[in-house]
PDB file of N, CA and C in Angstrom:
ATOM      1  N   MET A   1     102.154 128.689 145.113  1.00  0.00           N
ATOM      2  CA  MET A   1     103.297 128.558 144.737  1.00  0.00           C
ATOM      3  C   MET A   1     103.352 126.996 144.003  1.00  0.00           C
ATOM      4  N   LYS A   2     102.657 126.263 144.650  1.00  0.00           N
ATOM      5  CA  LYS A   2     102.483 124.782 143.505  1.00  0.00           C
ATOM      6  C   LYS A   2     101.778 124.926 142.294  1.00  0.00           C
ATOM      7  N   LEU A   3     101.061 125.821 142.018  1.00  0.00           N
ATOM      8  CA  LEU A   3     100.182 126.261 140.817  1.00  0.00           C
ATOM      9  C   LEU A   3     101.345 126.549 139.879  1.00  0.00           C
ATOM     10  N   LYS A   4     102.074 127.568 140.501  1.00  0.00           N
ATOM     11  CA  LYS A   4     102.867 128.060 139.627  1.00  0.00           C
ATOM     12  C   LYS A   4     104.341 127.067 139.096  1.00  0.00           C
ATOM     13  N   LEU A   5     104.360 126.116 139.765  1.00  0.00           N
ATOM     14  CA  LEU A   5     105.483 125.050 139.715  1.00  0.00           C
ATOM     15  C   LEU A   5     104.838 124.234 138.480  1.00  0.00           C
ATOM     16  N   VAL A   6     103.548 123.878 138.759  1.00  0.00           N
ATOM     17  CA  VAL A   6     102.878 122.966 137.842  1.00  0.00           C
ATOM     18  C   VAL A   6     102.612 123.558 136.432  1.00  0.00           C
ATOM     19  N   GLY A   7     102.277 124.805 136.545  1.00  0.00           N
ATOM     20  CA  GLY A   7     102.222 125.714 135.167  1.00  0.00           C
ATOM     21  C   GLY A   7     103.605 125.823 134.113  1.00  0.00           C
ATOM     22  N   SER A   8     104.592 125.885 135.246  1.00  0.00           N
ATOM     23  CA  SER A   8     105.879 126.110 134.624  1.00  0.00           C
ATOM     24  C   SER A   8     106.342 124.793 134.013  1.00  0.00           C
ATOM     25  N   ALA A   9     106.147 123.664 134.389  1.00  0.00           N
ATOM     26  CA  ALA A   9     106.363 122.340 133.955  1.00  0.00           C
ATOM     27  C   ALA A   9     105.634 122.030 133.035  1.00  0.00           C
ATOM     28  N   MET A  10     104.447 122.347 132.910  1.00  0.00           N
ATOM     29  CA  MET A  10     103.576 122.067 131.659  1.00  0.00           C
ATOM     30  C   MET A  10     103.997 122.918 130.421  1.00  0.00           C
ATOM     31  N   LEU A  11     104.100 124.253 130.670  1.00  0.00           N
ATOM     32  CA  LEU A  11     104.658 124.894 129.594  1.00  0.00           C
ATOM     33  C   LEU A  11     105.998 124.446 129.109  1.00  0.00           C
ATOM     34  N   ALA A  12     107.054 124.179 129.956  1.00  0.00           N
ATOM     35  CA  ALA A  12     108.262 123.424 129.526  1.00  0.00           C
ATOM     36  C   ALA A  12     107.832 122.176 128.616  1.00  0.00           C
ATOM     37  N   ALA A  13     107.001 121.306 129.260  1.00  0.00           N
ATOM     38  CA  ALA A  13     106.771 120.301 128.231  1.00  0.00           C
ATOM     39  C   ALA A  13     106.191 120.647 127.025  1.00  0.00           C
ATOM     40  N   ILE A  14     105.346 121.468 126.834  1.00  0.00           N
ATOM     41  CA  ILE A  14     104.625 121.941 125.520  1.00  0.00           C
ATOM     42  C   ILE A  14     105.614 122.354 124.724  1.00  0.00           C
ATOM     43  N   LEU A  15     106.811 123.191 125.133  1.00  0.00           N
ATOM     44  CA  LEU A  15     107.770 123.754 124.174  1.00  0.00           C
ATOM     45  C   LEU A  15     108.756 122.690 124.111  1.00  0.00           C
ATOM     46  N   LEU A  16     109.133 121.729 124.655  1.00  0.00           N
ATOM     47  CA  LEU A  16     109.665 120.664 124.108  1.00  0.00           C
ATOM     48  C   LEU A  16     109.434 119.859 123.117  1.00  0.00           C
ATOM     49  N   ALA A  17     107.974 119.512 123.057  1.00  0.00           N
ATOM     50  CA  ALA A  17     107.192 118.525 122.498  1.00  0.00           C
ATOM     51  C   ALA A  17     106.980 119.182 121.108  1.00  0.00           C
ATOM     52  N   ALA A  18     106.837 120.577 120.938  1.00  0.00           N
ATOM     53  CA  ALA A  18     106.113 121.439 119.860  1.00  0.00           C
ATOM     54  C   ALA A  18     107.117 121.118 118.813  1.00  0.00           C
ATOM     55  N   PRO A  19     108.281 120.929 118.701  1.00  0.00           N
ATOM     56  CA  PRO A  19     109.189 120.478 117.482  1.00  0.00           C
ATOM     57  C   PRO A  19     108.949 119.365 116.896  1.00  0.00           C
ATOM     58  N   ILE A  20     108.526 118.531 117.783  1.00  0.00           N
ATOM     59  CA  ILE A  20     108.010 117.008 117.284  1.00  0.00           C
ATOM     60  C   ILE A  20     106.862 116.971 116.417  1.00  0.00           C
ATOM     61  N   PHE A  21     105.896 117.672 116.970  1.00  0.00           N
ATOM     62  CA  PHE A  21     104.497 117.926 116.140  1.00  0.00           C
ATOM     63  C   PHE A  21     104.606 118.685 115.117  1.00  0.00           C
ATOM     64  N   VAL A  22     105.393 119.740 115.097  1.00  0.00           N
ATOM     65  CA  VAL A  22     105.810 120.355 113.736  1.00  0.00           C
ATOM     66  C   VAL A  22     106.507 119.792 112.641  1.00  0.00           C
ATOM     67  N   GLN A  23     107.393 118.945 113.050  1.00  0.00           N
ATOM     68  CA  GLN A  23     108.259 118.063 111.987  1.00  0.00           C
ATOM     69  C   GLN A  23     107.221 116.844 111.362  1.00  0.00           C
ATOM     70  N   ALA A  24     106.254 116.289 112.326  1.00  0.00           N
ATOM     71  CA  ALA A  24     105.318 115.338 111.745  1.00  0.00           C
ATOM     72  C   ALA A  24     104.572 116.072 110.963  1.00  0.00           C
ATOM     73  N   ILE A  25     104.051 117.366 110.868  1.00  0.00           N
ATOM     74  CA  ILE A  25     103.084 118.004 110.037  1.00  0.00           C
ATOM     75  C   ILE A  25     103.871 118.194 108.764  1.00  0.00           C
ATOM     76  N   ARG A  26     105.273 118.476 108.883  1.00  0.00           N
ATOM     77  CA  ARG A  26     105.799 118.846 107.437  1.00  0.00           C
ATOM     78  C   ARG A  26     106.210 117.551 106.537  1.00  0.00           C
ATOM     79  N   ILE A  27     106.341 116.457 107.579  1.00  0.00           N
ATOM     80  CA  ILE A  27     106.625 115.341 106.524  1.00  0.00           C
ATOM     81  C   ILE A  27     105.541 114.579 105.839  1.00  0.00           C
ATOM     82  N   GLN A  28     104.216 115.084 106.117  1.00  0.00           N
ATOM     83  CA  GLN A  28     103.099 114.792 105.532  1.00  0.00           C
ATOM     84  C   GLN A  28     102.912 115.360 103.978  1.00  0.00           C
ATOM     85  N   PRO A  29     103.379 115.131 103.030  1.00  0.00           N
ATOM     86  CA  PRO A  29     103.018 115.689 101.681  1.00  0.00           C
ATOM     87  C   PRO A  29     101.652 115.873 101.207  1.00  0.00           C
ATOM     88  N   GLY A  30     101.569 116.829 100.482  1.00  0.00           N
ATOM     89  CA  GLY A  30     100.094 117.035  99.826  1.00  0.00           C
ATOM     90  C   GLY A  30     100.258 116.310  98.401  1.00  0.00           C
ATOM     91  N   PRO A  31      99.367 116.236  97.903  1.00  0.00           N
ATOM     92  CA  PRO A  31      99.433 115.447  96.585  1.00  0.00           C
ATOM     93  C   PRO A  31     100.183 116.313  95.479  1.00  0.00           C
ATOM     94  N   ARG A  32     100.738 115.468  94.422  1.00  0.00           N
ATOM     95  CA  ARG A  32     101.641 116.138  93.421  1.00  0.00           C
ATOM     96  C   ARG A  32     100.753 116.985  92.598  1.00  0.00           C
ATOM     97  N   ARG A  33     101.197 118.333  92.187  1.00  0.00           N
ATOM     98  CA  ARG A  33     100.263 119.133  91.403  1.00  0.00           C
ATOM     99  C   ARG A  33     100.907 119.310  90.245  1.00  0.00           C
ATOM    100  N   ILE A  34     100.279 119.346  88.956  1.00  0.00           N
ATOM    101  CA  ILE A  34     100.751 119.172  87.679  1.00  0.00           C
ATOM    102  C   ILE A  34      99.992 120.195  86.870  1.00  0.00           C
ATOM    103  N   ASP A  35     100.593 121.168  86.306  1.00  0.00           N
ATOM    104  CA  ASP A  35      99.891 122.242  85.482  1.00  0.00           C
ATOM    105  C   ASP A  35      99.689 121.613  84.137  1.00  0.00           C
ATOM    106  N   VAL A  36      98.599 121.610  83.418  1.00  0.00           N
ATOM    107  CA  VAL A  36      98.439 121.235  82.016  1.00  0.00           C
ATOM    108  C   VAL A  36      97.597 122.579  81.402  1.00  0.00           C
ATOM    109  N   THR A  37      98.161 122.718  80.275  1.00  0.00           N
ATOM    110  CA  THR A  37      97.601 123.757  79.301  1.00  0.00           C
ATOM    111  C   THR A  37      96.664 123.066  78.201  1.00  0.00           C
ATOM    112  N   ALA A  38      95.492 123.473  78.057  1.00  0.00           N
ATOM    113  CA  ALA A  38      94.548 122.735  76.911  1.00  0.00           C
ATOM    114  C   ALA A  38      94.501 123.825  76.103  1.00  0.00           C
ATOM    115  N   LYS A  39      94.852 123.790  74.651  1.00  0.00           N
ATOM    116  CA  LYS A  39      94.351 124.687  73.600  1.00  0.00           C
ATOM    117  C   LYS A  39      94.476 123.970  72.413  1.00  0.00           C
ATOM    118  N   ARG A  40      93.563 124.439  71.459  1.00  0.00           N
ATOM    119  CA  ARG A  40      93.429 123.755  70.131  1.00  0.00           C
ATOM    120  C   ARG A  40      94.656 123.385  69.654  1.00  0.00           C
ATOM    121  N   PHE A  41      94.718 122.337  69.271  1.00  0.00           N
ATOM    122  CA  PHE A  41      94.494 121.017  69.635  1.00  0.00           C
ATOM    123  C   PHE A  41      95.281 120.063  70.269  1.00  0.00           C
ATOM    124  N   ALA A  42      95.784 120.601  71.410  1.00  0.00           N
ATOM    125  CA  ALA A  42      96.678 119.798  72.271  1.00  0.00           C
ATOM    126  C   ALA A  42      96.654 120.160  73.702  1.00  0.00           C
ATOM    127  N   PHE A  43      97.038 119.098  74.388  1.00  0.00           N
ATOM    128  CA  PHE A  43      97.434 119.151  75.970  1.00  0.00           C
ATOM    129  C   PHE A  43      98.964 119.410  76.284  1.00  0.00           C
ATOM    130  N   LEU A  44      99.185 120.350  76.749  1.00  0.00           N
ATOM    131  CA  LEU A  44     100.829 120.324  77.228  1.00  0.00           C
ATOM    132  C   LEU A  44     100.991 120.699  78.521  1.00  0.00           C
ATOM    133  N   PRO A  45     101.970 119.642  79.070  1.00  0.00           N
ATOM    134  CA  PRO A  45     102.617 118.462  78.538  1.00  0.00           C
ATOM    135  C   PRO A  45     101.493 117.523  77.670  1.00  0.00           C
ATOM    136  N   GLY A  46     102.030 116.868  77.033  1.00  0.00           N
ATOM    137  CA  GLY A  46     101.322 115.551  75.943  1.00  0.00           C
ATOM    138  C   GLY A  46     101.395 114.450  76.853  1.00  0.00           C
ATOM    139  N   GLU A  47     102.223 114.150  77.542  1.00  0.00           N
ATOM    140  CA  GLU A  47     102.500 112.944  78.259  1.00  0.00           C
ATOM    141  C   GLU A  47     103.201 113.227  79.618  1.00  0.00           C
ATOM    142  N   ILE A  48     102.369 112.348  80.710  1.00  0.00           N
ATOM    143  CA  ILE A  48     102.831 112.618  82.009  1.00  0.00           C
ATOM    144  C   ILE A  48     103.067 111.313  82.707  1.00  0.00           C
ATOM    145  N   THR A  49     104.202 111.108  83.364  1.00  0.00           N
ATOM    146  CA  THR A  49     104.256 109.994  84.022  1.00  0.00           C
ATOM    147  C   THR A  49     104.150 110.054  85.667  1.00  0.00           C
ATOM    148  N   LEU A  50     103.206 109.085  86.208  1.00  0.00           N
ATOM    149  CA  LEU A  50     102.733 109.080  87.480  1.00  0.00           C
ATOM    150  C   LEU A  50     103.152 107.922  88.171  1.00  0.00           C
ATOM    151  N   LYS A  51     102.962 107.951  89.545  1.00  0.00           N
ATOM    152  CA  LYS A  51     103.346 106.592  90.305  1.00  0.00           C
ATOM    153  C   LYS A  51     102.123 105.971  90.974  1.00  0.00           C
ATOM    154  N   LYS A  52     101.926 104.735  90.887  1.00  0.00           N
ATOM    155  CA  LYS A  52     100.457 104.249  91.374  1.00  0.00           C
ATOM    156  C   LYS A  52     100.488 104.503  92.989  1.00  0.00           C
ATOM    157  N   GLY A  53      99.466 104.789  93.350  1.00  0.00           N
ATOM    158  CA  GLY A  53      99.029 105.326  94.745  1.00  0.00           C
ATOM    159  C   GLY A  53      99.588 106.574  95.143  1.00  0.00           C
ATOM    160  N   GLU A  54     100.121 107.451  94.307  1.00  0.00           N
ATOM    161  CA  GLU A  54     100.441 108.807  94.981  1.00  0.00           C
ATOM    162  C   GLU A  54      99.411 109.684  94.410  1.00  0.00           C
ATOM    163  N   PRO A  55      98.746 110.451  95.136  1.00  0.00           N
ATOM    164  CA  PRO A  55      97.929 111.115  95.006  1.00  0.00           C
ATOM    165  C   PRO A  55      98.282 112.401  94.025  1.00  0.00           C
ATOM    166  N   VAL A  56      97.433 112.620  93.107  1.00  0.00           N
ATOM    167  CA  VAL A  56      97.900 113.914  92.017  1.00  0.00           C
ATOM    168  C   VAL A  56      96.883 114.590  91.688  1.00  0.00           C
ATOM    169  N   VAL A  57      97.012 115.972  91.365  1.00  0.00           N
ATOM    170  CA  VAL A  57      96.018 116.880  90.946  1.00  0.00           C
ATOM    171  C   VAL A  57      96.565 117.428  89.596  1.00  0.00           C
ATOM    172  N   LEU A  58      95.797 117.252  88.694  1.00  0.00           N
ATOM    173  CA  LEU A  58      96.125 117.901  87.351  1.00  0.00           C
ATOM    174  C   LEU A  58      95.296 119.211  87.432  1.00  0.00           C
ATOM    175  N   LEU A  59      95.917 120.280  87.069  1.00  0.00           N
ATOM    176  CA  LEU A  59      95.384 121.674  87.144  1.00  0.00           C
ATOM    177  C   LEU A  59      95.337 121.864  85.564  1.00  0.00           C
ATOM    178  N   VAL A  60      94.072 121.748  85.057  1.00  0.00           N
ATOM    179  CA  VAL A  60      93.873 122.012  83.563  1.00  0.00           C
ATOM    180  C   VAL A  60      93.476 123.427  83.358  1.00  0.00           C
ATOM    181  N   LYS A  61      94.236 124.133  82.597  1.00  0.00           N
ATOM    182  CA  LYS A  61      93.899 125.493  82.139  1.00  0.00           C
ATOM    183  C   LYS A  61      93.531 125.566  80.555  1.00  0.00           C
ATOM    184  N   SER A  62      92.333 125.999  80.378  1.00  0.00           N
ATOM    185  CA  SER A  62      92.160 126.249  79.068  1.00  0.00           C
ATOM    186  C   SER A  62      92.206 127.910  78.365  1.00  0.00           C
ATOM    187  N   VAL A  63      93.246 128.024  77.402  1.00  0.00           N
ATOM    188  CA  VAL A  63      93.732 129.228  77.061  1.00  0.00           C
ATOM    189  C   VAL A  63      92.776 129.846  76.055  1.00  0.00           C
ATOM    190  N   ASP A  64      91.986 129.296  75.089  1.00  0.00           N
ATOM    191  CA  ASP A  64      91.344 129.638  74.062  1.00  0.00           C
ATOM    192  C   ASP A  64      89.617 129.392  74.007  1.00  0.00           C
ATOM    193  N   VAL A  65      89.388 128.145  74.311  1.00  0.00           N
ATOM    194  CA  VAL A  65      87.946 127.846  74.088  1.00  0.00           C
ATOM    195  C   VAL A  65      87.593 126.851  75.165  1.00  0.00           C
ATOM    196  N   PRO A  66      86.445 126.661  75.632  1.00  0.00           N
ATOM    197  CA  PRO A  66      86.123 125.570  76.349  1.00  0.00           C
ATOM    198  C   PRO A  66      86.857 124.118  76.124  1.00  0.00           C
ATOM    199  N   HIS A  67      87.655 123.431  77.129  1.00  0.00           N
ATOM    200  CA  HIS A  67      87.881 122.015  76.717  1.00  0.00           C
ATOM    201  C   HIS A  67      87.481 121.052  77.915  1.00  0.00           C
ATOM    202  N   GLY A  68      87.779 119.983  77.699  1.00  0.00           N
ATOM    203  CA  GLY A  68      87.563 119.022  78.862  1.00  0.00           C
ATOM    204  C   GLY A  68      88.746 117.692  78.783  1.00  0.00           C
ATOM    205  N   ILE A  69      88.620 117.041  79.905  1.00  0.00           N
ATOM    206  CA  ILE A  69      89.543 115.734  79.854  1.00  0.00           C
ATOM    207  C   ILE A  69      88.777 114.552  80.281  1.00  0.00           C
ATOM    208  N   ARG A  70      88.953 113.402  79.693  1.00  0.00           N
ATOM    209  CA  ARG A  70      88.217 112.374  80.016  1.00  0.00           C
ATOM    210  C   ARG A  70      89.259 111.151  79.776  1.00  0.00           C
ATOM    211  N   PHE A  71      89.508 110.577  81.118  1.00  0.00           N
ATOM    212  CA  PHE A  71      90.217 109.092  81.133  1.00  0.00           C
ATOM    213  C   PHE A  71      89.100 108.051  81.263  1.00  0.00           C
ATOM    214  N   THR A  72      88.588 107.408  80.321  1.00  0.00           N
ATOM    215  CA  THR A  72      87.633 106.509  80.492  1.00  0.00           C
ATOM    216  C   THR A  72      88.062 105.394  81.248  1.00  0.00           C
ATOM    217  N   GLU A  73      89.243 104.824  80.981  1.00  0.00           N
ATOM    218  CA  GLU A  73      89.657 103.621  81.882  1.00  0.00           C
ATOM    219  C   GLU A  73      90.048 103.896  83.258  1.00  0.00           C
ATOM    220  N   LEU A  74      90.221 105.248  83.667  1.00  0.00           N
ATOM    221  CA  LEU A  74      90.498 105.555  85.266  1.00  0.00           C
ATOM    222  C   LEU A  74      89.230 106.213  85.756  1.00  0.00           C
ATOM    223  N   GLY A  75      88.046 106.703  84.999  1.00  0.00           N
ATOM    224  CA  GLY A  75      86.913 106.852  85.458  1.00  0.00           C
ATOM    225  C   GLY A  75      86.969 108.343  86.181  1.00  0.00           C
ATOM    226  N   ILE A  76      87.744 109.280  85.342  1.00  0.00           N
ATOM    227  CA  ILE A  76      87.740 110.553  85.829  1.00  0.00           C
ATOM    228  C   ILE A  76      87.821 111.468  84.733  1.00  0.00           C
ATOM    229  N   GLU A  77      87.088 112.683  84.732  1.00  0.00           N
ATOM    230  CA  GLU A  77      86.764 113.624  84.027  1.00  0.00           C
ATOM    231  C   GLU A  77      86.768 115.207  84.639  1.00  0.00           C
ATOM    232  N   THR A  78      86.893 116.142  83.634  1.00  0.00           N
ATOM    233  CA  THR A  78      86.944 117.528  84.235  1.00  0.00           C
ATOM    234  C   THR A  78      86.601 118.288  82.867  1.00  0.00           C
ATOM    235  N   LYS A  79      85.762 119.516  83.196  1.00  0.00           N
ATOM    236  CA  LYS A  79      85.653 120.295  81.780  1.00  0.00           C
ATOM    237  C   LYS A  79      85.998 121.658  82.403  1.00  0.00           C
ATOM    238  N   VAL A  80      86.621 122.532  81.686  1.00  0.00           N
ATOM    239  CA  VAL A  80      87.175 123.558  81.750  1.00  0.00           C
ATOM    240  C   VAL A  80      86.497 124.832  80.883  1.00  0.00           C
ATOM    241  N   ASP A  81      86.272 125.914  81.214  1.00  0.00           N
ATOM    242  CA  ASP A  81      85.879 126.871  80.411  1.00  0.00           C
ATOM    243  C   ASP A  81      86.945 127.703  79.942  1.00  0.00           C
ATOM    244  N   LYS A  82      86.838 128.605  78.830  1.00  0.00           N
ATOM    245  CA  LYS A  82      87.837 129.469  78.312  1.00  0.00           C
ATOM    246  C   LYS A  82      88.541 130.371  79.584  1.00  0.00           C
ATOM    247  N   GLY A  83      89.967 130.494  79.579  1.00  0.00           N
ATOM    248  CA  GLY A  83      90.358 131.244  80.482  1.00  0.00           C
ATOM    249  C   GLY A  83      90.400 130.923  82.147  1.00  0.00           C
ATOM    250  N   GLN A  84      89.808 129.520  82.394  1.00  0.00           N
ATOM    251  CA  GLN A  84      89.579 129.151  83.796  1.00  0.00           C
ATOM    252  C   GLN A  84      90.660 128.017  83.995  1.00  0.00           C
ATOM    253  N   THR A  85      90.656 127.442  85.169  1.00  0.00           N
ATOM    254  CA  THR A  85      91.355 126.402  85.501  1.00  0.00           C
ATOM    255  C   THR A  85      90.586 125.206  86.265  1.00  0.00           C
ATOM    256  N   GLY A  86      90.680 124.126  85.870  1.00  0.00           N
ATOM    257  CA  GLY A  86      89.916 122.882  86.475  1.00  0.00           C
ATOM    258  C   GLY A  86      90.937 122.026  87.310  1.00  0.00           C
ATOM    259  N   GLU A  87      90.421 121.356  88.266  1.00  0.00           N
ATOM    260  CA  GLU A  87      91.195 120.546  88.923  1.00  0.00           C
ATOM    261  C   GLU A  87      90.432 119.057  88.984  1.00  0.00           C
ATOM    262  N   LEU A  88      91.562 118.258  88.730  1.00  0.00           N
ATOM    263  CA  LEU A  88      91.209 116.794  88.375  1.00  0.00           C
ATOM    264  C   LEU A  88      92.247 116.134  89.410  1.00  0.00           C
ATOM    265  N   ALA A  89      91.484 115.729  90.716  1.00  0.00           N
ATOM    266  CA  ALA A  89      92.350 115.073  91.613  1.00  0.00           C
ATOM    267  C   ALA A  89      92.047 113.655  91.685  1.00  0.00           C
ATOM    268  N   PHE A  90      93.017 112.773  91.622  1.00  0.00           N
ATOM    269  CA  PHE A  90      92.784 111.325  91.920  1.00  0.00           C
ATOM    270  C   PHE A  90      94.097 110.713  92.216  1.00  0.00           C
ATOM    271  N   THR A  91      93.969 109.425  92.683  1.00  0.00           N
ATOM    272  CA  THR A  91      95.157 108.390  93.008  1.00  0.00           C
ATOM    273  C   THR A  91      95.273 107.521  92.150  1.00  0.00           C
ATOM    274  N   PRO A  92      96.047 107.329  91.125  1.00  0.00           N
ATOM    275  CA  PRO A  92      96.146 106.238  90.298  1.00  0.00           C
ATOM    276  C   PRO A  92      96.272 104.827  90.960  1.00  0.00           C
ATOM    277  N   ASP A  93      95.261 103.953  90.793  1.00  0.00           N
ATOM    278  CA  ASP A  93      95.172 102.515  91.555  1.00  0.00           C
ATOM    279  C   ASP A  93      95.691 101.316  90.765  1.00  0.00           C
ATOM    280  N   LYS A  94      96.140 101.655  89.332  1.00  0.00           N
ATOM    281  CA  LYS A  94      96.639 100.554  88.444  1.00  0.00           C
ATOM    282  C   LYS A  94      97.657 101.237  87.520  1.00  0.00           C
ATOM    283  N   THR A  95      98.716 100.141  87.151  1.00  0.00           N
ATOM    284  CA  THR A  95      99.766 100.635  86.112  1.00  0.00           C
ATOM    285  C   THR A  95      99.324 100.595  85.021  1.00  0.00           C
ATOM    286  N   GLY A  96     100.032 101.128  84.149  1.00  0.00           N
ATOM    287  CA  GLY A  96      99.551 101.114  82.561  1.00  0.00           C
ATOM    288  C   GLY A  96      99.706 102.581  81.776  1.00  0.00           C
ATOM    289  N   THR A  97      99.370 102.404  80.767  1.00  0.00           N
ATOM    290  CA  THR A  97      99.344 103.598  79.757  1.00  0.00           C
ATOM    291  C   THR A  97      98.066 104.096  79.512  1.00  0.00           C
ATOM    292  N   PHE A  98      97.639 105.137  79.679  1.00  0.00           N
ATOM    293  CA  PHE A  98      95.928 105.724  79.607  1.00  0.00           C
ATOM    294  C   PHE A  98      96.072 106.883  79.013  1.00  0.00           C
ATOM    295  N   VAL A  99      95.173 107.015  77.762  1.00  0.00           N
ATOM    296  CA  VAL A  99      94.983 108.147  76.988  1.00  0.00           C
ATOM    297  C   VAL A  99      93.721 108.912  77.371  1.00  0.00           C
ATOM    298  N   GLY A 100      93.754 110.061  77.635  1.00  0.00           N
ATOM    299  CA  GLY A 100      92.680 110.940  77.757  1.00  0.00           C
ATOM    300  C   GLY A 100      92.280 111.846  76.556  1.00  0.00           C
ATOM    301  N   HIS A 101      90.992 112.012  76.479  1.00  0.00           N
ATOM    302  CA  HIS A 101      90.866 112.752  75.127  1.00  0.00           C
ATOM    303  C   HIS A 101      89.970 113.800  75.685  1.00  0.00           C
ATOM    304  N   CYS A 102      90.243 115.153  74.956  1.00  0.00           N
ATOM    305  CA  CYS A 102      89.207 116.188  75.047  1.00  0.00           C
ATOM    306  C   CYS A 102      87.797 115.532  75.018  1.00  0.00           C
ATOM    307  N   SER A 103      86.990 116.387  75.960  1.00  0.00           N
ATOM    308  CA  SER A 103      85.809 115.808  75.941  1.00  0.00           C
ATOM    309  C   SER A 103      84.603 116.615  75.637  1.00  0.00           C
ATOM    310  N   VAL A 104      85.007 118.061  75.288  1.00  0.00           N
ATOM    311  CA  VAL A 104      84.318 119.151  74.748  1.00  0.00           C
ATOM    312  C   VAL A 104      84.778 119.610  73.522  1.00  0.00           C
ATOM    313  N   PHE A 105      83.828 119.443  72.237  1.00  0.00           N
ATOM    314  CA  PHE A 105      84.067 119.562  70.961  1.00  0.00           C
ATOM    315  C   PHE A 105      84.617 121.068  70.920  1.00  0.00           C
ATOM    316  N   CYS A 106      85.935 120.864  70.436  1.00  0.00           N
ATOM    317  CA  CYS A 106      86.651 122.396  70.268  1.00  0.00           C
ATOM    318  C   CYS A 106      87.237 122.856  68.966  1.00  0.00           C
ATOM    319  N   GLY A 107      86.468 122.002  68.015  1.00  0.00           N
ATOM    320  CA  GLY A 107      86.903 122.419  66.629  1.00  0.00           C
ATOM    321  C   GLY A 107      87.377 121.227  65.842  1.00  0.00           C
ATOM    322  N   SER A 108      87.779 121.552  64.631  1.00  0.00           N
ATOM    323  CA  SER A 108      88.151 120.294  63.411  1.00  0.00           C
ATOM    324  C   SER A 108      89.175 119.544  64.163  1.00  0.00           C
ATOM    325  N   GLY A 109      90.276 119.808  64.987  1.00  0.00           N
ATOM    326  CA  GLY A 109      91.153 118.928  65.197  1.00  0.00           C
ATOM    327  C   GLY A 109      90.960 118.197  66.680  1.00  0.00           C
ATOM    328  N   HIS A 110      89.545 118.229  67.347  1.00  0.00           N
ATOM    329  CA  HIS A 110      89.197 117.922  68.577  1.00  0.00           C
ATOM    330  C   HIS A 110      89.412 116.067  68.826  1.00  0.00           C
ATOM    331  N   GLY A 111      89.445 115.558  67.683  1.00  0.00           N
ATOM    332  CA  GLY A 111      89.450 114.169  67.563  1.00  0.00           C
ATOM    333  C   GLY A 111      90.978 113.938  67.767  1.00  0.00           C
ATOM    334  N   THR A 112      91.907 114.483  67.781  1.00  0.00           N
ATOM    335  CA  THR A 112      93.464 114.171  68.014  1.00  0.00           C
ATOM    336  C   THR A 112      94.014 114.712  69.355  1.00  0.00           C
ATOM    337  N   MET A 113      92.939 115.506  69.970  1.00  0.00           N
ATOM    338  CA  MET A 113      93.604 116.250  71.203  1.00  0.00           C
ATOM    339  C   MET A 113      93.438 115.240  72.464  1.00  0.00           C
ATOM    340  N   THR A 114      94.671 114.667  72.560  1.00  0.00           N
ATOM    341  CA  THR A 114      94.760 113.831  73.577  1.00  0.00           C
ATOM    342  C   THR A 114      95.979 114.008  74.716  1.00  0.00           C
ATOM    343  N   LEU A 115      95.910 113.350  75.989  1.00  0.00           N
ATOM    344  CA  LEU A 115      96.864 113.506  76.947  1.00  0.00           C
ATOM    345  C   LEU A 115      97.117 112.115  77.430  1.00  0.00           C
ATOM    346  N   THR A 116      98.431 111.698  77.511  1.00  0.00           N
ATOM    347  CA  THR A 116      98.849 110.414  77.923  1.00  0.00           C
ATOM    348  C   THR A 116      99.289 110.256  79.420  1.00  0.00           C
ATOM    349  N   LEU A 117      98.972 109.321  80.113  1.00  0.00           N
ATOM    350  CA  LEU A 117      99.273 109.317  81.336  1.00  0.00           C
ATOM    351  C   LEU A 117     100.042 107.900  81.248  1.00  0.00           C
ATOM    352  N   HIS A 118     101.231 107.879  81.791  1.00  0.00           N
ATOM    353  CA  HIS A 118     102.047 106.554  82.287  1.00  0.00           C
ATOM    354  C   HIS A 118     101.945 106.338  83.741  1.00  0.00           C
ATOM    355  N   VAL A 119     101.273 105.155  84.067  1.00  0.00           N
ATOM    356  CA  VAL A 119     101.474 105.066  85.573  1.00  0.00           C
ATOM    357  C   VAL A 119     102.367 103.917  85.755  1.00  0.00           C
ATOM    358  N   VAL A 120     103.380 103.916  86.605  1.00  0.00           N
ATOM    359  CA  VAL A 120     104.378 103.038  86.937  1.00  0.00           C
ATOM    360  C   VAL A 120     104.338 102.668  88.396  1.00  0.00           C
ATOM    361  N   ASP A 121     104.942 101.623  89.013  1.00  0.00           N
ATOM    362  CA  ASP A 121     104.993 101.385  90.256  1.00  0.00           C
ATOM    363  C   ASP A 121     106.111 102.089  90.961  1.00  0.00           C
TER     364      ASP A 121
END
């Protein structure tokens, strides 16, 4: 009899506490995910504003030929094959304007292919 009473009390405590744990899990957001399309000779969108300290993942999809994106000042880079999507996950740790360049030669307009990140407080 005592065992049933203890078991029932434990079950009740778990059921009462469960919503607290579920809510705590929901509060923790994942990184911000941003779709970027790479095509000769542009990244779309061409400019993105981010918050300093906020984790972000750039999902870079190449639609025509292999492309890459390199932000030298931030020390990040990814390369993407035609028809594929690459992930560039990072957390900006400084504010400013940073220009990323296509890092895989993609043709005559390659030198003008850029993506600008504005990192704000």
